[in-house]
């Protein structure tokens, strides 16, 4: 029978010609993580999202070096100055520099957004893994508790927690985390229900692995991808929720340089000094968009159906 020589396409009656020792294969093998990285950076919108988040984090870290003025310093002789001169984005009703407050506001956004999602992940992943793996009454109890939290609108539930604990960054983080964990738990539970029936889990049980080890070493690593992608996208939503709480007067203290506080201070000057609320609003929109684009890019890169 005539066969083709591997890599050349030329026929031979003697069968395939073996490759020379040390010769490179005709098709290079690409590792899974290399493929994921290539797919992510091939997505232009994902790269834009990564760039936005990288700039946001750098601005938050180096805020003292980037801010031209003290964000809390009041100068009543420079109130409501339009953008330009020594104040590139103008000043507020107390003469505080808007650009400096915008820069320092990125710190609150990063801390609250990421920390609240981390709290929700810890609670949701723990309870979701237990519900999905053990099932039965454990699943029923956890999912019914989750339904209670689903019944509360996020902002109303967060306001209740903040009123009980007081204003500040920590109460805002805890309130947002407590009222968003249920979605993570339900999402992970559905993944665990699928993974726990796979052959490698049954093999681990047959080899005598304990339930805790099976959950940590086999169930969670194969179930967390969709949860982490969802969490990345929801950091932006947490930032919007935090700014909304401050706008309503129940978030961080009003004198703190924070985007929601800036919008709240500028609402009395709409149509007159629109720069007071326009710039912090744009900062919130761009930041939320950055996390959403990043999350979508991670989803497309990590989803095995897309590869």
C-alpha atoms as a PDB file:
ATOM      1  CA  UNK A   1       0.000   0.000   0.000  1.00  0.00           C
ATOM      2  CA  UNK A   2       1.259   3.451  -0.843  1.00  0.00           C
ATOM      3  CA  UNK A   3       1.600   5.731   2.213  1.00  0.00           C
ATOM      4  CA  UNK A   4       2.602   9.336   2.690  1.00  0.00           C
ATOM      5  CA  UNK A   5       5.863  10.320   4.308  1.00  0.00           C
ATOM      6  CA  UNK A   6       5.080  12.310   7.470  1.00  0.00           C
ATOM      7  CA  UNK A   7       5.680  16.008   6.946  1.00  0.00           C
ATOM      8  CA  UNK A   8       6.576  15.739   3.233  1.00  0.00           C
ATOM      9  CA  UNK A   9       3.493  14.497   1.424  1.00  0.00           C
ATOM     10  CA  UNK A  10       5.619  12.246  -0.887  1.00  0.00           C
ATOM     11  CA  UNK A  11       4.447   8.624  -1.366  1.00  0.00           C
ATOM     12  CA  UNK A  12       6.591   5.612  -0.572  1.00  0.00           C
ATOM     13  CA  UNK A  13       5.968   1.887  -0.783  1.00  0.00           C
ATOM     14  CA  UNK A  14       8.041   1.112   2.258  1.00  0.00           C
ATOM     15  CA  UNK A  15       5.855   3.083   4.676  1.00  0.00           C
ATOM     16  CA  UNK A  16       6.631   6.259   6.619  1.00  0.00           C
ATOM     17  CA  UNK A  17      10.225   7.319   6.832  1.00  0.00           C
ATOM     18  CA  UNK A  18      11.263   7.660  10.484  1.00  0.00           C
ATOM     19  CA  UNK A  19      12.343  11.086  11.589  1.00  0.00           C
ATOM     20  CA  UNK A  20      16.041  11.679  12.078  1.00  0.00           C
ATOM     21  CA  UNK A  21      17.257  11.553  15.691  1.00  0.00           C
ATOM     22  CA  UNK A  22      16.907  14.940  17.337  1.00  0.00           C
ATOM     23  CA  UNK A  23      14.704  16.325  14.580  1.00  0.00           C
ATOM     24  CA  UNK A  24      11.862  18.636  15.636  1.00  0.00           C
ATOM     25  CA  UNK A  25       8.288  17.381  15.108  1.00  0.00           C
ATOM     26  CA  UNK A  26       6.434  18.943  12.195  1.00  0.00           C
ATOM     27  CA  UNK A  27       3.720  20.318  14.481  1.00  0.00           C
ATOM     28  CA  UNK A  28       4.832  22.016  17.692  1.00  0.00           C
ATOM     29  CA  UNK A  29       2.867  21.082  20.775  1.00  0.00           C
ATOM     30  CA  UNK A  30       1.381  24.064  22.562  1.00  0.00           C
ATOM     31  CA  UNK A  31       0.747  23.818  26.296  1.00  0.00           C
ATOM     32  CA  UNK A  32      -2.715  24.528  27.656  1.00  0.00           C
ATOM     33  CA  UNK A  33      -1.674  27.705  29.489  1.00  0.00           C
ATOM     34  CA  UNK A  34       0.185  28.998  26.435  1.00  0.00           C
ATOM     35  CA  UNK A  35      -2.948  28.448  24.367  1.00  0.00           C
ATOM     36  CA  UNK A  36      -5.056  30.278  26.976  1.00  0.00           C
ATOM     37  CA  UNK A  37      -2.636  33.194  27.003  1.00  0.00           C
ATOM     38  CA  UNK A  38      -2.610  33.414  23.206  1.00  0.00           C
ATOM     39  CA  UNK A  39      -6.401  33.304  23.044  1.00  0.00           C
ATOM     40  CA  UNK A  40      -6.710  36.013  25.681  1.00  0.00           C
ATOM     41  CA  UNK A  41      -4.269  38.438  24.039  1.00  0.00           C
ATOM     42  CA  UNK A  42      -5.810  37.770  20.627  1.00  0.00           C
ATOM     43  CA  UNK A  43      -9.026  39.271  22.020  1.00  0.00           C
ATOM     44  CA  UNK A  44      -8.542  43.011  21.574  1.00  0.00           C
ATOM     45  CA  UNK A  45     -11.394  43.964  23.909  1.00  0.00           C
ATOM     46  CA  UNK A  46      -9.943  41.761  26.645  1.00  0.00           C
ATOM     47  CA  UNK A  47      -6.587  43.501  26.261  1.00  0.00           C
ATOM     48  CA  UNK A  48      -8.331  46.877  26.523  1.00  0.00           C
ATOM     49  CA  UNK A  49     -10.011  45.724  29.735  1.00  0.00           C
ATOM     50  CA  UNK A  50      -6.693  44.500  31.146  1.00  0.00           C
ATOM     51  CA  UNK A  51      -5.069  47.841  30.272  1.00  0.00           C
ATOM     52  CA  UNK A  52      -7.850  49.792  32.011  1.00  0.00           C
ATOM     53  CA  UNK A  53      -7.593  47.710  35.186  1.00  0.00           C
ATOM     54  CA  UNK A  54      -3.790  47.893  35.185  1.00  0.00           C
ATOM     55  CA  UNK A  55      -3.881  51.688  34.930  1.00  0.00           C
ATOM     56  CA  UNK A  56      -6.525  51.860  37.685  1.00  0.00           C
ATOM     57  CA  UNK A  57      -4.417  49.760  40.068  1.00  0.00           C
ATOM     58  CA  UNK A  58      -1.258  51.750  39.316  1.00  0.00           C
ATOM     59  CA  UNK A  59      -3.094  55.034  39.904  1.00  0.00           C
ATOM     60  CA  UNK A  60      -4.432  53.699  43.214  1.00  0.00           C
ATOM     61  CA  UNK A  61      -0.967  52.574  44.343  1.00  0.00           C
ATOM     62  CA  UNK A  62       0.849  55.752  43.353  1.00  0.00           C
ATOM     63  CA  UNK A  63      -1.943  58.211  44.216  1.00  0.00           C
ATOM     64  CA  UNK A  64       0.278  60.285  46.583  1.00  0.00           C
ATOM     65  CA  UNK A  65       2.779  60.790  43.758  1.00  0.00           C
ATOM     66  CA  UNK A  66       0.214  61.494  41.029  1.00  0.00           C
ATOM     67  CA  UNK A  67      -2.179  63.804  42.874  1.00  0.00           C
ATOM     68  CA  UNK A  68      -1.174  67.459  42.392  1.00  0.00           C
ATOM     69  CA  UNK A  69      -2.919  68.610  45.610  1.00  0.00           C
ATOM     70  CA  UNK A  70      -4.104  67.313  48.951  1.00  0.00           C
ATOM     71  CA  UNK A  71      -7.575  65.851  48.210  1.00  0.00           C
ATOM     72  CA  UNK A  72      -8.897  66.963  51.616  1.00  0.00           C
ATOM     73  CA  UNK A  73      -7.460  70.485  51.658  1.00  0.00           C
ATOM     74  CA  UNK A  74     -10.128  73.167  51.471  1.00  0.00           C
ATOM     75  CA  UNK A  75      -9.552  76.564  49.910  1.00  0.00           C
ATOM     76  CA  UNK A  76     -12.637  78.734  50.112  1.00  0.00           C
ATOM     77  CA  UNK A  77     -11.040  81.332  47.829  1.00  0.00           C
ATOM     78  CA  UNK A  78     -10.956  78.746  44.993  1.00  0.00           C
ATOM     79  CA  UNK A  79     -14.457  77.295  45.165  1.00  0.00           C
ATOM     80  CA  UNK A  80     -16.224  76.029  42.032  1.00  0.00           C
ATOM     81  CA  UNK A  81     -13.312  76.836  39.754  1.00  0.00           C
ATOM     82  CA  UNK A  82     -13.772  75.583  36.195  1.00  0.00           C
ATOM     83  CA  UNK A  83     -11.196  73.124  34.796  1.00  0.00           C
ATOM     84  CA  UNK A  84      -7.911  74.760  33.885  1.00  0.00           C
ATOM     85  CA  UNK A  85      -4.926  76.475  35.408  1.00  0.00           C
ATOM     86  CA  UNK A  86      -3.685  74.968  38.655  1.00  0.00           C
ATOM     87  CA  UNK A  87      -6.774  72.760  38.886  1.00  0.00           C
ATOM     88  CA  UNK A  88      -6.993  70.663  35.734  1.00  0.00           C
ATOM     89  CA  UNK A  89     -10.461  69.279  36.550  1.00  0.00           C
ATOM     90  CA  UNK A  90     -11.671  72.246  38.574  1.00  0.00           C
ATOM     91  CA  UNK A  91     -12.590  72.479  42.264  1.00  0.00           C
ATOM     92  CA  UNK A  92     -15.686  71.609  44.283  1.00  0.00           C
ATOM     93  CA  UNK A  93     -17.848  73.792  46.533  1.00  0.00           C
ATOM     94  CA  UNK A  94     -15.194  73.667  49.268  1.00  0.00           C
ATOM     95  CA  UNK A  95     -12.284  74.491  46.979  1.00  0.00           C
ATOM     96  CA  UNK A  96     -10.887  70.940  46.944  1.00  0.00           C
ATOM     97  CA  UNK A  97      -9.028  69.846  43.820  1.00  0.00           C
ATOM     98  CA  UNK A  98     -11.225  67.532  41.735  1.00  0.00           C
ATOM     99  CA  UNK A  99      -8.347  65.738  39.998  1.00  0.00           C
ATOM    100  CA  UNK A 100      -6.701  64.854  43.289  1.00  0.00           C
ATOM    101  CA  UNK A 101      -9.980  63.575  44.707  1.00  0.00           C
ATOM    102  CA  UNK A 102     -10.578  61.567  41.542  1.00  0.00           C
ATOM    103  CA  UNK A 103      -7.127  59.955  41.829  1.00  0.00           C
ATOM    104  CA  UNK A 104      -7.526  59.107  45.508  1.00  0.00           C
ATOM    105  CA  UNK A 105     -11.039  57.853  44.822  1.00  0.00           C
ATOM    106  CA  UNK A 106      -9.518  55.036  42.758  1.00  0.00           C
ATOM    107  CA  UNK A 107      -8.141  53.593  46.007  1.00  0.00           C
ATOM    108  CA  UNK A 108     -11.603  53.226  47.528  1.00  0.00           C
ATOM    109  CA  UNK A 109     -12.888  51.729  44.268  1.00  0.00           C
ATOM    110  CA  UNK A 110     -10.139  49.108  44.084  1.00  0.00           C
ATOM    111  CA  UNK A 111     -10.273  48.195  47.777  1.00  0.00           C
ATOM    112  CA  UNK A 112     -14.049  47.952  48.053  1.00  0.00           C
ATOM    113  CA  UNK A 113     -14.584  46.332  44.653  1.00  0.00           C
ATOM    114  CA  UNK A 114     -11.991  43.576  45.028  1.00  0.00           C
ATOM    115  CA  UNK A 115     -12.406  42.993  48.774  1.00  0.00           C
ATOM    116  CA  UNK A 116     -16.195  42.663  48.593  1.00  0.00           C
ATOM    117  CA  UNK A 117     -15.965  40.135  45.761  1.00  0.00           C
ATOM    118  CA  UNK A 118     -13.300  38.250  47.736  1.00  0.00           C
ATOM    119  CA  UNK A 119     -15.666  38.052  50.726  1.00  0.00           C
ATOM    120  CA  UNK A 120     -18.464  36.820  48.458  1.00  0.00           C
ATOM    121  CA  UNK A 121     -16.120  34.238  46.877  1.00  0.00           C
ATOM    122  CA  UNK A 122     -14.980  32.841  50.229  1.00  0.00           C
ATOM    123  CA  UNK A 123     -18.546  32.432  51.489  1.00  0.00           C
ATOM    124  CA  UNK A 124     -20.037  31.348  48.170  1.00  0.00           C
ATOM    125  CA  UNK A 125     -17.293  28.865  47.229  1.00  0.00           C
ATOM    126  CA  UNK A 126     -17.341  27.229  50.664  1.00  0.00           C
ATOM    127  CA  UNK A 127     -21.116  26.832  50.853  1.00  0.00           C
ATOM    128  CA  UNK A 128     -21.509  26.024  47.157  1.00  0.00           C
ATOM    129  CA  UNK A 129     -18.916  23.245  47.350  1.00  0.00           C
ATOM    130  CA  UNK A 130     -20.595  21.735  50.416  1.00  0.00           C
ATOM    131  CA  UNK A 131     -24.052  21.922  48.820  1.00  0.00           C
ATOM    132  CA  UNK A 132     -22.937  20.388  45.542  1.00  0.00           C
ATOM    133  CA  UNK A 133     -20.765  17.627  46.992  1.00  0.00           C
ATOM    134  CA  UNK A 134     -22.888  16.407  49.917  1.00  0.00           C
ATOM    135  CA  UNK A 135     -26.321  17.127  48.458  1.00  0.00           C
ATOM    136  CA  UNK A 136     -29.456  15.989  50.307  1.00  0.00           C
ATOM    137  CA  UNK A 137     -30.316  18.065  53.394  1.00  0.00           C
ATOM    138  CA  UNK A 138     -27.035  20.018  53.242  1.00  0.00           C
ATOM    139  CA  UNK A 139     -27.880  21.181  49.730  1.00  0.00           C
ATOM    140  CA  UNK A 140     -31.460  21.984  50.709  1.00  0.00           C
ATOM    141  CA  UNK A 141     -30.512  24.089  53.740  1.00  0.00           C
ATOM    142  CA  UNK A 142     -27.770  26.072  51.956  1.00  0.00           C
ATOM    143  CA  UNK A 143     -29.871  26.757  48.860  1.00  0.00           C
ATOM    144  CA  UNK A 144     -32.857  27.897  50.939  1.00  0.00           C
ATOM    145  CA  UNK A 145     -30.600  30.307  52.838  1.00  0.00           C
ATOM    146  CA  UNK A 146     -29.297  31.526  49.473  1.00  0.00           C
ATOM    147  CA  UNK A 147     -32.892  32.107  48.347  1.00  0.00           C
ATOM    148  CA  UNK A 148     -33.400  34.413  51.327  1.00  0.00           C
ATOM    149  CA  UNK A 149     -30.446  36.556  50.195  1.00  0.00           C
ATOM    150  CA  UNK A 150     -31.701  36.485  46.594  1.00  0.00           C
ATOM    151  CA  UNK A 151     -34.969  37.993  47.842  1.00  0.00           C
ATOM    152  CA  UNK A 152     -33.175  41.139  49.081  1.00  0.00           C
ATOM    153  CA  UNK A 153     -32.184  43.794  46.513  1.00  0.00           C
ATOM    154  CA  UNK A 154     -28.443  44.381  46.809  1.00  0.00           C
ATOM    155  CA  UNK A 155     -28.539  48.058  47.747  1.00  0.00           C
ATOM    156  CA  UNK A 156     -31.386  47.689  50.253  1.00  0.00           C
ATOM    157  CA  UNK A 157     -29.675  44.776  51.970  1.00  0.00           C
ATOM    158  CA  UNK A 158     -26.356  46.635  52.029  1.00  0.00           C
ATOM    159  CA  UNK A 159     -28.027  49.721  53.528  1.00  0.00           C
ATOM    160  CA  UNK A 160     -29.477  47.589  56.333  1.00  0.00           C
ATOM    161  CA  UNK A 161     -26.043  46.153  57.198  1.00  0.00           C
ATOM    162  CA  UNK A 162     -24.379  49.579  57.079  1.00  0.00           C
ATOM    163  CA  UNK A 163     -27.032  51.124  59.314  1.00  0.00           C
ATOM    164  CA  UNK A 164     -26.365  48.373  61.853  1.00  0.00           C
ATOM    165  CA  UNK A 165     -22.535  48.577  61.659  1.00  0.00           C
ATOM    166  CA  UNK A 166     -22.014  52.246  60.853  1.00  0.00           C
ATOM    167  CA  UNK A 167     -20.453  53.954  57.850  1.00  0.00           C
ATOM    168  CA  UNK A 168     -16.976  53.185  56.590  1.00  0.00           C
ATOM    169  CA  UNK A 169     -15.015  51.050  54.147  1.00  0.00           C
ATOM    170  CA  UNK A 170     -15.239  47.815  56.171  1.00  0.00           C
ATOM    171  CA  UNK A 171     -19.049  47.900  56.593  1.00  0.00           C
ATOM    172  CA  UNK A 172     -19.447  48.589  52.865  1.00  0.00           C
ATOM    173  CA  UNK A 173     -17.151  45.673  51.955  1.00  0.00           C
ATOM    174  CA  UNK A 174     -18.939  43.271  54.294  1.00  0.00           C
ATOM    175  CA  UNK A 175     -22.407  44.386  53.239  1.00  0.00           C
ATOM    176  CA  UNK A 176     -21.697  43.955  49.528  1.00  0.00           C
ATOM    177  CA  UNK A 177     -19.962  40.616  50.108  1.00  0.00           C
ATOM    178  CA  UNK A 178     -22.769  39.250  52.284  1.00  0.00           C
ATOM    179  CA  UNK A 179     -25.449  40.093  49.733  1.00  0.00           C
ATOM    180  CA  UNK A 180     -23.609  38.733  46.661  1.00  0.00           C
ATOM    181  CA  UNK A 181     -22.301  35.355  47.883  1.00  0.00           C
ATOM    182  CA  UNK A 182     -25.494  33.489  46.961  1.00  0.00           C
ATOM    183  CA  UNK A 183     -24.884  33.806  43.218  1.00  0.00           C
ATOM    184  CA  UNK A 184     -21.364  32.408  43.577  1.00  0.00           C
ATOM    185  CA  UNK A 185     -22.664  29.536  45.715  1.00  0.00           C
ATOM    186  CA  UNK A 186     -25.341  28.562  43.215  1.00  0.00           C
ATOM    187  CA  UNK A 187     -22.940  28.810  40.283  1.00  0.00           C
ATOM    188  CA  UNK A 188     -20.301  26.652  41.977  1.00  0.00           C
ATOM    189  CA  UNK A 189     -22.896  24.146  43.160  1.00  0.00           C
ATOM    190  CA  UNK A 190     -23.966  23.475  39.571  1.00  0.00           C
ATOM    191  CA  UNK A 191     -20.322  22.899  38.574  1.00  0.00           C
ATOM    192  CA  UNK A 192     -19.666  20.586  41.521  1.00  0.00           C
ATOM    193  CA  UNK A 193     -22.762  18.494  40.732  1.00  0.00           C
ATOM    194  CA  UNK A 194     -21.231  17.800  37.331  1.00  0.00           C
ATOM    195  CA  UNK A 195     -17.623  17.272  38.394  1.00  0.00           C
ATOM    196  CA  UNK A 196     -18.340  14.958  41.338  1.00  0.00           C
ATOM    197  CA  UNK A 197     -19.667  12.268  38.961  1.00  0.00           C
ATOM    198  CA  UNK A 198     -16.537  12.183  36.817  1.00  0.00           C
ATOM    199  CA  UNK A 199     -14.265   9.151  36.758  1.00  0.00           C
ATOM    200  CA  UNK A 200     -11.251  10.775  38.411  1.00  0.00           C
ATOM    201  CA  UNK A 201     -13.351  11.652  41.483  1.00  0.00           C
ATOM    202  CA  UNK A 202     -14.582   8.059  41.772  1.00  0.00           C
ATOM    203  CA  UNK A 203     -10.983   6.881  41.370  1.00  0.00           C
ATOM    204  CA  UNK A 204      -9.853   9.130  44.225  1.00  0.00           C
ATOM    205  CA  UNK A 205     -12.604   7.714  46.439  1.00  0.00           C
ATOM    206  CA  UNK A 206     -11.554   4.160  45.524  1.00  0.00           C
ATOM    207  CA  UNK A 207      -7.966   4.953  46.504  1.00  0.00           C
ATOM    208  CA  UNK A 208      -9.143   6.005  49.963  1.00  0.00           C
ATOM    209  CA  UNK A 209      -8.921   9.802  49.662  1.00  0.00           C
ATOM    210  CA  UNK A 210     -10.865  11.657  52.341  1.00  0.00           C
ATOM    211  CA  UNK A 211     -13.819  13.851  51.489  1.00  0.00           C
ATOM    212  CA  UNK A 212     -11.980  17.047  52.445  1.00  0.00           C
ATOM    213  CA  UNK A 213      -9.064  16.161  50.174  1.00  0.00           C
ATOM    214  CA  UNK A 214     -11.371  15.251  47.307  1.00  0.00           C
ATOM    215  CA  UNK A 215     -13.119  18.610  47.558  1.00  0.00           C
ATOM    216  CA  UNK A 216      -9.853  20.603  47.809  1.00  0.00           C
ATOM    217  CA  UNK A 217      -7.715  18.687  45.318  1.00  0.00           C
ATOM    218  CA  UNK A 218     -10.195  17.385  42.766  1.00  0.00           C
ATOM    219  CA  UNK A 219     -13.581  19.116  42.940  1.00  0.00           C
ATOM    220  CA  UNK A 220     -12.676  22.788  43.427  1.00  0.00           C
ATOM    221  CA  UNK A 221      -9.783  23.050  40.928  1.00  0.00           C
ATOM    222  CA  UNK A 222     -12.083  21.702  38.195  1.00  0.00           C
ATOM    223  CA  UNK A 223     -15.089  23.813  39.171  1.00  0.00           C
ATOM    224  CA  UNK A 224     -13.723  27.288  39.937  1.00  0.00           C
ATOM    225  CA  UNK A 225     -13.090  28.606  36.428  1.00  0.00           C
ATOM    226  CA  UNK A 226     -16.594  29.927  35.748  1.00  0.00           C
ATOM    227  CA  UNK A 227     -16.875  31.284  39.299  1.00  0.00           C
ATOM    228  CA  UNK A 228     -13.610  33.229  39.037  1.00  0.00           C
ATOM    229  CA  UNK A 229     -14.588  34.632  35.642  1.00  0.00           C
ATOM    230  CA  UNK A 230     -17.962  35.714  37.031  1.00  0.00           C
ATOM    231  CA  UNK A 231     -16.224  37.263  40.037  1.00  0.00           C
ATOM    232  CA  UNK A 232     -13.885  39.275  37.811  1.00  0.00           C
ATOM    233  CA  UNK A 233     -16.807  40.747  35.889  1.00  0.00           C
ATOM    234  CA  UNK A 234     -18.661  41.546  39.115  1.00  0.00           C
ATOM    235  CA  UNK A 235     -15.856  43.648  40.608  1.00  0.00           C
ATOM    236  CA  UNK A 236     -17.100  46.461  38.373  1.00  0.00           C
ATOM    237  CA  UNK A 237     -20.665  45.943  39.603  1.00  0.00           C
ATOM    238  CA  UNK A 238     -19.418  46.095  43.212  1.00  0.00           C
ATOM    239  CA  UNK A 239     -17.682  49.403  42.458  1.00  0.00           C
ATOM    240  CA  UNK A 240     -20.909  50.812  41.005  1.00  0.00           C
ATOM    241  CA  UNK A 241     -22.835  49.599  44.071  1.00  0.00           C
ATOM    242  CA  UNK A 242     -20.288  51.166  46.442  1.00  0.00           C
ATOM    243  CA  UNK A 243     -20.490  54.499  44.621  1.00  0.00           C
ATOM    244  CA  UNK A 244     -24.294  54.289  44.737  1.00  0.00           C
ATOM    245  CA  UNK A 245     -24.227  53.795  48.500  1.00  0.00           C
ATOM    246  CA  UNK A 246     -21.986  56.837  48.945  1.00  0.00           C
ATOM    247  CA  UNK A 247     -24.210  58.862  46.624  1.00  0.00           C
ATOM    248  CA  UNK A 248     -27.188  57.958  48.802  1.00  0.00           C
ATOM    249  CA  UNK A 249     -25.286  59.056  51.903  1.00  0.00           C
ATOM    250  CA  UNK A 250     -24.809  55.629  53.512  1.00  0.00           C
ATOM    251  CA  UNK A 251     -21.410  54.607  52.141  1.00  0.00           C
ATOM    252  CA  UNK A 252     -18.046  55.911  53.269  1.00  0.00           C
ATOM    253  CA  UNK A 253     -17.819  59.185  55.173  1.00  0.00           C
ATOM    254  CA  UNK A 254     -18.777  62.189  53.005  1.00  0.00           C
ATOM    255  CA  UNK A 255     -15.418  63.946  53.421  1.00  0.00           C
ATOM    256  CA  UNK A 256     -13.532  60.945  52.022  1.00  0.00           C
ATOM    257  CA  UNK A 257     -12.266  61.323  48.454  1.00  0.00           C
ATOM    258  CA  UNK A 258     -14.568  58.823  46.753  1.00  0.00           C
ATOM    259  CA  UNK A 259     -16.324  58.860  43.390  1.00  0.00           C
ATOM    260  CA  UNK A 260     -19.859  58.469  44.757  1.00  0.00           C
ATOM    261  CA  UNK A 261     -19.264  61.320  47.204  1.00  0.00           C
ATOM    262  CA  UNK A 262     -18.010  63.499  44.347  1.00  0.00           C
ATOM    263  CA  UNK A 263     -21.134  62.829  42.288  1.00  0.00           C
ATOM    264  CA  UNK A 264     -23.322  63.533  45.315  1.00  0.00           C
ATOM    265  CA  UNK A 265     -21.523  66.854  45.890  1.00  0.00           C
ATOM    266  CA  UNK A 266     -22.025  67.820  42.250  1.00  0.00           C
ATOM    267  CA  UNK A 267     -25.718  66.982  41.942  1.00  0.00           C
ATOM    268  CA  UNK A 268     -26.693  70.420  43.264  1.00  0.00           C
ATOM    269  CA  UNK A 269     -24.761  72.046  40.428  1.00  0.00           C
ATOM    270  CA  UNK A 270     -26.119  70.076  37.468  1.00  0.00           C
ATOM    271  CA  UNK A 271     -26.497  72.328  34.465  1.00  0.00           C
ATOM    272  CA  UNK A 272     -24.167  74.906  36.050  1.00  0.00           C
ATOM    273  CA  UNK A 273     -20.942  73.116  37.005  1.00  0.00           C
ATOM    274  CA  UNK A 274     -21.379  69.775  35.284  1.00  0.00           C
ATOM    275  CA  UNK A 275     -17.684  68.941  35.538  1.00  0.00           C
ATOM    276  CA  UNK A 276     -18.221  68.206  39.248  1.00  0.00           C
ATOM    277  CA  UNK A 277     -20.202  65.031  38.524  1.00  0.00           C
ATOM    278  CA  UNK A 278     -19.170  64.236  34.940  1.00  0.00           C
ATOM    279  CA  UNK A 279     -15.567  63.159  35.629  1.00  0.00           C
ATOM    280  CA  UNK A 280     -16.278  60.801  38.546  1.00  0.00           C
ATOM    281  CA  UNK A 281     -19.187  59.333  36.590  1.00  0.00           C
ATOM    282  CA  UNK A 282     -16.894  58.625  33.647  1.00  0.00           C
ATOM    283  CA  UNK A 283     -14.354  57.059  36.011  1.00  0.00           C
ATOM    284  CA  UNK A 284     -17.001  54.656  37.327  1.00  0.00           C
ATOM    285  CA  UNK A 285     -18.233  53.750  33.833  1.00  0.00           C
ATOM    286  CA  UNK A 286     -14.744  53.144  32.435  1.00  0.00           C
ATOM    287  CA  UNK A 287     -13.701  51.091  35.475  1.00  0.00           C
ATOM    288  CA  UNK A 288     -16.820  48.904  35.377  1.00  0.00           C
ATOM    289  CA  UNK A 289     -16.387  48.446  31.626  1.00  0.00           C
ATOM    290  CA  UNK A 290     -12.754  47.426  32.131  1.00  0.00           C
ATOM    291  CA  UNK A 291     -13.664  44.630  34.555  1.00  0.00           C
ATOM    292  CA  UNK A 292     -16.485  43.419  32.318  1.00  0.00           C
ATOM    293  CA  UNK A 293     -14.191  43.256  29.269  1.00  0.00           C
ATOM    294  CA  UNK A 294     -11.539  41.480  31.323  1.00  0.00           C
ATOM    295  CA  UNK A 295     -14.067  38.952  32.620  1.00  0.00           C
ATOM    296  CA  UNK A 296     -15.423  38.278  29.117  1.00  0.00           C
ATOM    297  CA  UNK A 297     -11.892  37.798  27.814  1.00  0.00           C
ATOM    298  CA  UNK A 298     -11.068  35.311  30.574  1.00  0.00           C
ATOM    299  CA  UNK A 299     -14.295  33.436  29.863  1.00  0.00           C
ATOM    300  CA  UNK A 300     -13.491  33.071  26.173  1.00  0.00           C
ATOM    301  CA  UNK A 301      -9.883  32.074  26.870  1.00  0.00           C
ATOM    302  CA  UNK A 302     -10.660  29.524  29.592  1.00  0.00           C
ATOM    303  CA  UNK A 303     -13.777  27.934  28.130  1.00  0.00           C
ATOM    304  CA  UNK A 304     -12.694  24.582  26.605  1.00  0.00           C
ATOM    305  CA  UNK A 305     -15.595  24.772  24.133  1.00  0.00           C
ATOM    306  CA  UNK A 306     -13.972  27.863  22.617  1.00  0.00           C
ATOM    307  CA  UNK A 307     -10.621  26.125  22.110  1.00  0.00           C
END
